[in-house]
Amino acid sequence: MKSYWLMQFDTNAPTLKVLNDRLRQDPRVIKWNTLKLGEKLRELVPPGASGGTTPSQSTMGGRTVDYLG
């Protein structure tokens, strides 16, 4: 069975390294990608914007996966 999940987040470089290290060590994870969408959060989210449907919710059904919990 194939499982795909999308996680959209804002973080710093040290936290991203920890996430990549954990994904690399997990035998259940075959492949993963990280994509930098912008330098600053304000480049991605217009001022005053909150709530609503994010692109990930509309494409992936809005499911949340607590992977590193």
PDB file of N, CA and C in Angstrom:
ATOM      1  N   MET A   1       0.839  -1.172   0.000  1.00  0.00           N
ATOM      2  CA  MET A   1       0.000   0.000   0.000  1.00  0.00           C
ATOM      3  C   MET A   1       0.887   1.239   0.000  1.00  0.00           C
ATOM      4  N   LYS A   2       0.553   2.183  -0.853  1.00  0.00           N
ATOM      5  CA  LYS A   2       1.306   3.428  -0.925  1.00  0.00           C
ATOM      6  C   LYS A   2       0.625   4.490  -0.088  1.00  0.00           C
ATOM      7  N   SER A   3       1.422   5.248   0.607  1.00  0.00           N
ATOM      8  CA  SER A   3       0.904   6.378   1.374  1.00  0.00           C
ATOM      9  C   SER A   3       1.710   7.606   1.014  1.00  0.00           C
ATOM     10  N   TYR A   4       0.997   8.680   0.779  1.00  0.00           N
ATOM     11  CA  TYR A   4       1.622   9.961   0.491  1.00  0.00           C
ATOM     12  C   TYR A   4       1.093  10.972   1.482  1.00  0.00           C
ATOM     13  N   TRP A   5       1.929  11.894   1.908  1.00  0.00           N
ATOM     14  CA  TRP A   5       1.445  12.974   2.756  1.00  0.00           C
ATOM     15  C   TRP A   5       2.224  14.233   2.448  1.00  0.00           C
ATOM     16  N   LEU A   6       1.576  15.328   2.672  1.00  0.00           N
ATOM     17  CA  LEU A   6       2.153  16.640   2.409  1.00  0.00           C
ATOM     18  C   LEU A   6       2.157  17.429   3.699  1.00  0.00           C
ATOM     19  N   MET A   7       3.282  18.030   4.002  1.00  0.00           N
ATOM     20  CA  MET A   7       3.392  18.834   5.206  1.00  0.00           C
ATOM     21  C   MET A   7       3.948  20.191   4.783  1.00  0.00           C
ATOM     22  N   GLN A   8       3.172  21.226   5.014  1.00  0.00           N
ATOM     23  CA  GLN A   8       3.616  22.574   4.687  1.00  0.00           C
ATOM     24  C   GLN A   8       3.921  23.296   5.989  1.00  0.00           C
ATOM     25  N   PHE A   9       5.130  23.849   6.106  1.00  0.00           N
ATOM     26  CA  PHE A   9       5.535  24.456   7.367  1.00  0.00           C
ATOM     27  C   PHE A   9       6.582  25.533   7.131  1.00  0.00           C
ATOM     28  N   ASP A  10       6.777  26.344   8.137  1.00  0.00           N
ATOM     29  CA  ASP A  10       7.800  27.380   8.151  1.00  0.00           C
ATOM     30  C   ASP A  10       8.773  27.026   9.262  1.00  0.00           C
ATOM     31  N   THR A  11      10.052  26.966   8.955  1.00  0.00           N
ATOM     32  CA  THR A  11      11.032  26.592   9.972  1.00  0.00           C
ATOM     33  C   THR A  11      12.394  27.194   9.667  1.00  0.00           C
ATOM     34  N   ASN A  12      13.320  26.981  10.568  1.00  0.00           N
ATOM     35  CA  ASN A  12      14.689  27.442  10.358  1.00  0.00           C
ATOM     36  C   ASN A  12      15.568  26.267   9.913  1.00  0.00           C
ATOM     37  N   ALA A  13      16.787  26.567   9.496  1.00  0.00           N
ATOM     38  CA  ALA A  13      17.683  25.540   8.960  1.00  0.00           C
ATOM     39  C   ALA A  13      18.009  24.426   9.961  1.00  0.00           C
ATOM     40  N   PRO A  14      18.303  24.725  11.235  1.00  0.00           N
ATOM     41  CA  PRO A  14      18.604  23.629  12.172  1.00  0.00           C
ATOM     42  C   PRO A  14      17.425  22.662  12.366  1.00  0.00           C
ATOM     43  N   THR A  15      16.213  23.189  12.424  1.00  0.00           N
ATOM     44  CA  THR A  15      15.036  22.328  12.587  1.00  0.00           C
ATOM     45  C   THR A  15      14.819  21.478  11.344  1.00  0.00           C
ATOM     46  N   LEU A  16      15.031  22.053  10.177  1.00  0.00           N
ATOM     47  CA  LEU A  16      14.896  21.294   8.932  1.00  0.00           C
ATOM     48  C   LEU A  16      15.925  20.167   8.871  1.00  0.00           C
ATOM     49  N   LYS A  17      17.120  20.416   9.369  1.00  0.00           N
ATOM     50  CA  LYS A  17      18.142  19.360   9.405  1.00  0.00           C
ATOM     51  C   LYS A  17      17.698  18.206  10.302  1.00  0.00           C
ATOM     52  N   VAL A  18      17.130  18.513  11.459  1.00  0.00           N
ATOM     53  CA  VAL A  18      16.635  17.470  12.364  1.00  0.00           C
ATOM     54  C   VAL A  18      15.539  16.660  11.676  1.00  0.00           C
ATOM     55  N   LEU A  19      14.609  17.334  11.010  1.00  0.00           N
ATOM     56  CA  LEU A  19      13.535  16.637  10.298  1.00  0.00           C
ATOM     57  C   LEU A  19      14.113  15.717   9.228  1.00  0.00           C
ATOM     58  N   ASN A  20      15.047  16.211   8.427  1.00  0.00           N
ATOM     59  CA  ASN A  20      15.666  15.381   7.394  1.00  0.00           C
ATOM     60  C   ASN A  20      16.404  14.193   7.995  1.00  0.00           C
ATOM     61  N   ASP A  21      17.097  14.398   9.102  1.00  0.00           N
ATOM     62  CA  ASP A  21      17.795  13.291   9.769  1.00  0.00           C
ATOM     63  C   ASP A  21      16.815  12.218  10.237  1.00  0.00           C
ATOM     64  N   ARG A  22      15.696  12.638  10.794  1.00  0.00           N
ATOM     65  CA  ARG A  22      14.697  11.662  11.270  1.00  0.00           C
ATOM     66  C   ARG A  22      14.062  10.906  10.104  1.00  0.00           C
ATOM     67  N   LEU A  23      13.782  11.601   9.030  1.00  0.00           N
ATOM     68  CA  LEU A  23      13.206  10.926   7.864  1.00  0.00           C
ATOM     69  C   LEU A  23      14.210   9.938   7.272  1.00  0.00           C
ATOM     70  N   ARG A  24      15.472  10.316   7.247  1.00  0.00           N
ATOM     71  CA  ARG A  24      16.517   9.449   6.708  1.00  0.00           C
ATOM     72  C   ARG A  24      16.663   8.173   7.546  1.00  0.00           C
ATOM     73  N   GLN A  25      16.476   8.269   8.852  1.00  0.00           N
ATOM     74  CA  GLN A  25      16.657   7.128   9.750  1.00  0.00           C
ATOM     75  C   GLN A  25      15.450   6.200   9.795  1.00  0.00           C
ATOM     76  N   ASP A  26      14.296   6.672   9.354  1.00  0.00           N
ATOM     77  CA  ASP A  26      13.071   5.880   9.449  1.00  0.00           C
ATOM     78  C   ASP A  26      12.985   4.911   8.270  1.00  0.00           C
ATOM     79  N   PRO A  27      12.990   3.605   8.518  1.00  0.00           N
ATOM     80  CA  PRO A  27      12.951   2.632   7.424  1.00  0.00           C
ATOM     81  C   PRO A  27      11.634   2.638   6.645  1.00  0.00           C
ATOM     82  N   ARG A  28      10.593   3.234   7.213  1.00  0.00           N
ATOM     83  CA  ARG A  28       9.308   3.298   6.507  1.00  0.00           C
ATOM     84  C   ARG A  28       9.298   4.383   5.441  1.00  0.00           C
ATOM     85  N   VAL A  29      10.245   5.299   5.508  1.00  0.00           N
ATOM     86  CA  VAL A  29      10.300   6.413   4.560  1.00  0.00           C
ATOM     87  C   VAL A  29      11.255   6.047   3.433  1.00  0.00           C
ATOM     88  N   ILE A  30      10.729   5.987   2.229  1.00  0.00           N
ATOM     89  CA  ILE A  30      11.540   5.631   1.069  1.00  0.00           C
ATOM     90  C   ILE A  30      12.124   6.875   0.413  1.00  0.00           C
ATOM     91  N   LYS A  31      11.302   7.901   0.299  1.00  0.00           N
ATOM     92  CA  LYS A  31      11.733   9.112  -0.389  1.00  0.00           C
ATOM     93  C   LYS A  31      11.001  10.308   0.187  1.00  0.00           C
ATOM     94  N   TRP A  32      11.672  11.446   0.238  1.00  0.00           N
ATOM     95  CA  TRP A  32      11.038  12.687   0.671  1.00  0.00           C
ATOM     96  C   TRP A  32      11.699  13.842  -0.060  1.00  0.00           C
ATOM     97  N   ASN A  33      10.993  14.929  -0.139  1.00  0.00           N
ATOM     98  CA  ASN A  33      11.501  16.148  -0.764  1.00  0.00           C
ATOM     99  C   ASN A  33      11.194  17.325   0.128  1.00  0.00           C
ATOM    100  N   THR A  34      12.063  18.304   0.096  1.00  0.00           N
ATOM    101  CA  THR A  34      11.763  19.580   0.732  1.00  0.00           C
ATOM    102  C   THR A  34      11.870  20.644  -0.347  1.00  0.00           C
ATOM    103  N   LEU A  35      10.997  21.607  -0.271  1.00  0.00           N
ATOM    104  CA  LEU A  35      10.935  22.658  -1.275  1.00  0.00           C
ATOM    105  C   LEU A  35      10.842  23.998  -0.578  1.00  0.00           C
ATOM    106  N   LYS A  36      11.769  24.869  -0.866  1.00  0.00           N
ATOM    107  CA  LYS A  36      11.761  26.208  -0.285  1.00  0.00           C
ATOM    108  C   LYS A  36      10.848  27.087  -1.142  1.00  0.00           C
ATOM    109  N   LEU A  37       9.793  27.596  -0.526  1.00  0.00           N
ATOM    110  CA  LEU A  37       8.807  28.384  -1.256  1.00  0.00           C
ATOM    111  C   LEU A  37       9.113  29.874  -1.237  1.00  0.00           C
ATOM    112  N   GLY A  38       9.945  30.327  -0.313  1.00  0.00           N
ATOM    113  CA  GLY A  38      10.279  31.743  -0.236  1.00  0.00           C
ATOM    114  C   GLY A  38      11.261  32.013   0.883  1.00  0.00           C
ATOM    115  N   GLU A  39      11.804  33.211   0.889  1.00  0.00           N
ATOM    116  CA  GLU A  39      12.742  33.619   1.936  1.00  0.00           C
ATOM    117  C   GLU A  39      12.021  34.015   3.220  1.00  0.00           C
ATOM    118  N   LYS A  40      10.937  34.734   3.081  1.00  0.00           N
ATOM    119  CA  LYS A  40      10.199  35.272   4.226  1.00  0.00           C
ATOM    120  C   LYS A  40       8.749  34.809   4.168  1.00  0.00           C
ATOM    121  N   LEU A  41       8.147  34.638   5.329  1.00  0.00           N
ATOM    122  CA  LEU A  41       6.757  34.205   5.405  1.00  0.00           C
ATOM    123  C   LEU A  41       5.840  35.183   4.690  1.00  0.00           C
ATOM    124  N   ARG A  42       6.146  36.461   4.757  1.00  0.00           N
ATOM    125  CA  ARG A  42       5.284  37.466   4.113  1.00  0.00           C
ATOM    126  C   ARG A  42       5.273  37.317   2.589  1.00  0.00           C
ATOM    127  N   GLU A  43       6.260  36.640   2.020  1.00  0.00           N
ATOM    128  CA  GLU A  43       6.261  36.373   0.580  1.00  0.00           C
ATOM    129  C   GLU A  43       5.216  35.322   0.216  1.00  0.00           C
ATOM    130  N   LEU A  44       4.846  34.490   1.173  1.00  0.00           N
ATOM    131  CA  LEU A  44       3.938  33.376   0.918  1.00  0.00           C
ATOM    132  C   LEU A  44       2.516  33.647   1.361  1.00  0.00           C
ATOM    133  N   VAL A  45       2.360  34.438   2.425  1.00  0.00           N
ATOM    134  CA  VAL A  45       1.042  34.700   3.000  1.00  0.00           C
ATOM    135  C   VAL A  45       0.812  36.205   2.999  1.00  0.00           C
ATOM    136  N   PRO A  46      -0.251  36.668   2.354  1.00  0.00           N
ATOM    137  CA  PRO A  46      -0.527  38.103   2.347  1.00  0.00           C
ATOM    138  C   PRO A  46      -0.803  38.619   3.757  1.00  0.00           C
ATOM    139  N   PRO A  47      -0.445  39.883   4.041  1.00  0.00           N
ATOM    140  CA  PRO A  47      -0.721  40.457   5.361  1.00  0.00           C
ATOM    141  C   PRO A  47      -2.206  40.373   5.706  1.00  0.00           C
ATOM    142  N   GLY A  48      -2.500  40.012   6.931  1.00  0.00           N
ATOM    143  CA  GLY A  48      -3.880  39.929   7.390  1.00  0.00           C
ATOM    144  C   GLY A  48      -4.600  38.654   6.996  1.00  0.00           C
ATOM    145  N   ALA A  49      -3.946  37.771   6.257  1.00  0.00           N
ATOM    146  CA  ALA A  49      -4.590  36.526   5.834  1.00  0.00           C
ATOM    147  C   ALA A  49      -4.515  35.503   6.962  1.00  0.00           C
ATOM    148  N   SER A  50      -5.622  34.851   7.219  1.00  0.00           N
ATOM    149  CA  SER A  50      -5.631  33.757   8.183  1.00  0.00           C
ATOM    150  C   SER A  50      -6.842  32.891   7.903  1.00  0.00           C
ATOM    151  N   GLY A  51      -6.766  31.657   8.343  1.00  0.00           N
ATOM    152  CA  GLY A  51      -7.887  30.738   8.146  1.00  0.00           C
ATOM    153  C   GLY A  51      -8.062  30.389   6.678  1.00  0.00           C
ATOM    154  N   GLY A  52      -9.204  29.832   6.371  1.00  0.00           N
ATOM    155  CA  GLY A  52      -9.475  29.452   4.989  1.00  0.00           C
ATOM    156  C   GLY A  52      -8.792  28.154   4.631  1.00  0.00           C
ATOM    157  N   THR A  53      -8.880  27.789   3.389  1.00  0.00           N
ATOM    158  CA  THR A  53      -8.304  26.551   2.901  1.00  0.00           C
ATOM    159  C   THR A  53      -6.934  26.821   2.312  1.00  0.00           C
ATOM    160  N   THR A  54      -5.940  26.131   2.803  1.00  0.00           N
ATOM    161  CA  THR A  54      -4.597  26.256   2.257  1.00  0.00           C
ATOM    162  C   THR A  54      -4.478  25.378   1.022  1.00  0.00           C
ATOM    163  N   PRO A  55      -3.482  25.620   0.166  1.00  0.00           N
ATOM    164  CA  PRO A  55      -3.309  24.760  -1.007  1.00  0.00           C
ATOM    165  C   PRO A  55      -3.170  23.289  -0.636  1.00  0.00           C
ATOM    166  N   SER A  56      -2.485  22.986   0.467  1.00  0.00           N
ATOM    167  CA  SER A  56      -2.319  21.583   0.851  1.00  0.00           C
ATOM    168  C   SER A  56      -3.650  20.962   1.268  1.00  0.00           C
ATOM    169  N   GLN A  57      -4.516  21.736   1.908  1.00  0.00           N
ATOM    170  CA  GLN A  57      -5.815  21.203   2.310  1.00  0.00           C
ATOM    171  C   GLN A  57      -6.675  20.902   1.093  1.00  0.00           C
ATOM    172  N   SER A  58      -6.595  21.743   0.084  1.00  0.00           N
ATOM    173  CA  SER A  58      -7.447  21.524  -1.076  1.00  0.00           C
ATOM    174  C   SER A  58      -6.949  20.365  -1.928  1.00  0.00           C
ATOM    175  N   THR A  59      -5.635  20.104  -1.935  1.00  0.00           N
ATOM    176  CA  THR A  59      -5.113  19.020  -2.760  1.00  0.00           C
ATOM    177  C   THR A  59      -5.013  17.697  -2.016  1.00  0.00           C
ATOM    178  N   MET A  60      -4.853  17.738  -0.701  1.00  0.00           N
ATOM    179  CA  MET A  60      -4.650  16.509   0.062  1.00  0.00           C
ATOM    180  C   MET A  60      -5.791  16.216   1.028  1.00  0.00           C
ATOM    181  N   GLY A  61      -6.880  16.943   0.927  1.00  0.00           N
ATOM    182  CA  GLY A  61      -8.025  16.655   1.772  1.00  0.00           C
ATOM    183  C   GLY A  61      -7.943  17.241   3.164  1.00  0.00           C
ATOM    184  N   GLY A  62      -6.919  18.026   3.466  1.00  0.00           N
ATOM    185  CA  GLY A  62      -6.828  18.682   4.759  1.00  0.00           C
ATOM    186  C   GLY A  62      -6.490  17.760   5.913  1.00  0.00           C
ATOM    187  N   ARG A  63      -5.994  16.567   5.632  1.00  0.00           N
ATOM    188  CA  ARG A  63      -5.650  15.636   6.704  1.00  0.00           C
ATOM    189  C   ARG A  63      -4.349  16.057   7.371  1.00  0.00           C
ATOM    190  N   THR A  64      -4.286  15.890   8.666  1.00  0.00           N
ATOM    191  CA  THR A  64      -3.086  16.199   9.429  1.00  0.00           C
ATOM    192  C   THR A  64      -2.466  14.897   9.913  1.00  0.00           C
ATOM    193  N   VAL A  65      -1.169  14.769   9.748  1.00  0.00           N
ATOM    194  CA  VAL A  65      -0.458  13.578  10.180  1.00  0.00           C
ATOM    195  C   VAL A  65       0.547  13.985  11.242  1.00  0.00           C
ATOM    196  N   ASP A  66       0.445  13.397  12.432  1.00  0.00           N
ATOM    197  CA  ASP A  66       1.401  13.659  13.498  1.00  0.00           C
ATOM    198  C   ASP A  66       2.508  12.629  13.364  1.00  0.00           C
ATOM    199  N   TYR A  67       3.517  12.939  12.569  1.00  0.00           N
ATOM    200  CA  TYR A  67       4.545  11.970  12.237  1.00  0.00           C
ATOM    201  C   TYR A  67       5.655  11.906  13.278  1.00  0.00           C
ATOM    202  N   LEU A  68       6.134  13.049  13.723  1.00  0.00           N
ATOM    203  CA  LEU A  68       7.282  13.058  14.628  1.00  0.00           C
ATOM    204  C   LEU A  68       6.886  13.009  16.090  1.00  0.00           C
ATOM    205  N   GLY A  69       5.555  13.106  16.356  1.00  0.00           N
ATOM    206  CA  GLY A  69       4.993  13.157  17.683  1.00  0.00           C
ATOM    207  C   GLY A  69       5.666  12.377  18.692  1.00  0.00           C
TER     208      GLY A  69
END
